């Protein structure tokens, strides 16, 4: 199975001055975060007090969708538009922060929320690090 770094290396044209390590990490963190958020939302649905987790489920689902879209946009380089890239990476960082904050509020009761919050914080950091390098 090819990794993100391997796929980026196969791109036949120049990627410009993008930091490949930060780009790779951001894509990988987005994918991991989307998976964690999807699993957390599903686990929340199985909890006895699902009604108390409505906001968590919604935030998980939004974050998963935004992370998935961000990973896809960051994986495409032909016809690159820096404005779109910056906007979606910023949106992803914002969604990850919101999801991490929400999951943290349930982390003492639900291990899946604690783990999801960690994945979201890691993705938020990767997004912010990539943003700092984008022109």
Protein backbone atom coordinates (compact mmCIF):
# COMPACT_ATOMS: atom_id res chain seq x y z
CA UNK A 1 0.00 0.00 0.00
CA UNK A 2 1.41 3.39 -0.99
CA UNK A 3 1.86 6.05 1.63
CA UNK A 4 1.08 9.73 1.28
CA UNK A 5 4.77 10.54 0.94
CA UNK A 6 5.21 7.89 -1.75
CA UNK A 7 2.26 9.22 -3.75
CA UNK A 8 3.51 12.81 -3.52
CA UNK A 9 6.89 11.63 -4.78
CA UNK A 10 5.25 10.23 -7.93
CA UNK A 11 3.73 13.57 -8.94
CA UNK A 12 5.36 14.31 -12.30
CA UNK A 13 5.43 18.11 -12.04
CA UNK A 14 7.12 20.44 -9.57
CA UNK A 15 5.19 20.99 -6.33
CA UNK A 16 6.74 24.42 -5.99
CA UNK A 17 8.04 25.59 -2.66
CA UNK A 18 5.53 23.67 -0.54
CA UNK A 19 7.11 21.95 2.46
CA UNK A 20 6.62 18.29 1.50
CA UNK A 21 7.07 17.01 5.07
CA UNK A 22 4.43 19.37 6.45
CA UNK A 23 2.12 18.60 3.53
CA UNK A 24 2.56 14.86 4.05
CA UNK A 25 1.95 15.13 7.78
CA UNK A 26 -1.15 17.27 7.28
CA UNK A 27 -2.70 14.82 4.82
CA UNK A 28 -1.92 11.87 7.11
CA UNK A 29 -3.30 13.65 10.18
CA UNK A 30 -6.48 14.61 8.29
CA UNK A 31 -7.06 11.00 7.31
CA UNK A 32 -6.40 9.75 10.86
CA UNK A 33 -8.62 12.43 12.36
CA UNK A 34 -11.49 11.66 9.98
CA UNK A 35 -11.31 8.01 11.01
CA UNK A 36 -11.18 8.85 14.73
CA UNK A 37 -14.12 11.26 14.44
CA UNK A 38 -16.19 8.74 12.49
CA UNK A 39 -15.48 6.04 15.08
CA UNK A 40 -16.17 8.42 17.96
CA UNK A 41 -19.53 9.49 16.51
CA UNK A 42 -20.47 5.85 16.06
CA UNK A 43 -19.39 4.99 19.60
CA UNK A 44 -21.39 7.94 20.95
CA UNK A 45 -24.47 6.54 19.20
CA UNK A 46 -24.00 3.31 21.17
CA UNK A 47 -23.79 5.02 24.56
CA UNK A 48 -26.78 4.76 26.88
CA UNK A 49 -26.97 8.53 27.21
CA UNK A 50 -26.85 9.25 23.50
CA UNK A 51 -29.10 12.30 23.95
CA UNK A 52 -26.37 13.98 25.98
CA UNK A 53 -23.89 13.40 23.15
CA UNK A 54 -25.84 15.01 20.30
CA UNK A 55 -23.45 17.96 19.95
CA UNK A 56 -20.45 15.63 20.13
CA UNK A 57 -21.85 13.41 17.39
CA UNK A 58 -22.61 16.40 15.15
CA UNK A 59 -19.17 17.92 15.75
CA UNK A 60 -17.49 14.57 15.08
CA UNK A 61 -19.35 14.16 11.80
CA UNK A 62 -18.61 17.71 10.64
CA UNK A 63 -14.94 17.35 11.54
CA UNK A 64 -14.67 13.99 9.76
CA UNK A 65 -16.19 15.45 6.57
CA UNK A 66 -13.96 18.52 6.65
CA UNK A 67 -10.84 16.43 7.31
CA UNK A 68 -11.71 14.10 4.44
CA UNK A 69 -12.24 17.02 2.06
CA UNK A 70 -9.01 18.67 3.22
CA UNK A 71 -6.98 15.52 2.63
CA UNK A 72 -8.46 15.27 -0.86
CA UNK A 73 -7.74 18.90 -1.75
CA UNK A 74 -4.19 18.64 -0.40
CA UNK A 75 -3.64 15.49 -2.47
CA UNK A 76 -4.39 17.32 -5.74
CA UNK A 77 -1.76 19.60 -7.23
CA UNK A 78 -2.72 20.15 -10.86
CA UNK A 79 -4.21 23.63 -11.24
CA UNK A 80 -3.25 24.49 -7.65
CA UNK A 81 -5.14 27.43 -6.11
CA UNK A 82 -3.40 28.77 -2.99
CA UNK A 83 -6.50 30.64 -1.83
CA UNK A 84 -8.64 27.50 -1.81
CA UNK A 85 -5.88 25.49 -0.13
CA UNK A 86 -5.39 28.08 2.63
CA UNK A 87 -9.15 28.36 3.18
CA UNK A 88 -9.78 24.64 3.55
CA UNK A 89 -6.73 24.04 5.75
CA UNK A 90 -7.86 26.91 8.00
CA UNK A 91 -11.40 25.49 8.10
CA UNK A 92 -9.96 22.11 9.00
CA UNK A 93 -7.91 23.56 11.87
CA UNK A 94 -11.04 25.35 13.13
CA UNK A 95 -13.19 22.21 12.91
CA UNK A 96 -10.53 20.13 14.65
CA UNK A 97 -10.26 22.62 17.51
CA UNK A 98 -14.05 22.69 17.96
CA UNK A 99 -14.25 18.89 17.89
CA UNK A 100 -11.35 18.47 20.29
CA UNK A 101 -12.94 20.93 22.72
CA UNK A 102 -16.29 19.14 22.54
CA UNK A 103 -14.76 15.67 22.90
CA UNK A 104 -12.62 16.86 25.82
CA UNK A 105 -15.82 17.71 27.69
CA UNK A 106 -16.76 13.99 27.58
CA UNK A 107 -13.27 12.52 27.82
CA UNK A 108 -13.53 11.69 31.53
CA UNK A 109 -16.52 9.44 30.82
CA UNK A 110 -15.78 8.10 27.34
CA UNK A 111 -12.40 6.82 26.19
CA UNK A 112 -13.41 7.20 22.53
CA UNK A 113 -13.94 10.93 23.13
CA UNK A 114 -10.52 11.25 24.76
CA UNK A 115 -8.85 9.50 21.85
CA UNK A 116 -10.78 11.55 19.30
CA UNK A 117 -9.78 14.79 21.04
CA UNK A 118 -6.13 13.75 20.78
CA UNK A 119 -6.46 13.02 17.05
CA UNK A 120 -8.21 16.35 16.50
CA UNK A 121 -5.53 18.31 18.37
CA UNK A 122 -2.81 16.57 16.37
CA UNK A 123 -4.58 17.38 13.10
CA UNK A 124 -5.17 20.99 14.16
CA UNK A 125 -1.45 21.34 14.88
CA UNK A 126 -0.50 19.81 11.50
CA UNK A 127 -2.91 22.15 9.70
CA UNK A 128 -1.52 25.20 11.50
CA UNK A 129 2.05 24.14 10.74
CA UNK A 130 1.23 23.74 7.04
CA UNK A 131 -0.62 27.06 6.98
CA UNK A 132 2.46 28.82 8.32
CA UNK A 133 4.41 27.65 5.26
CA UNK A 134 1.83 28.42 2.56
CA UNK A 135 2.47 31.53 0.49
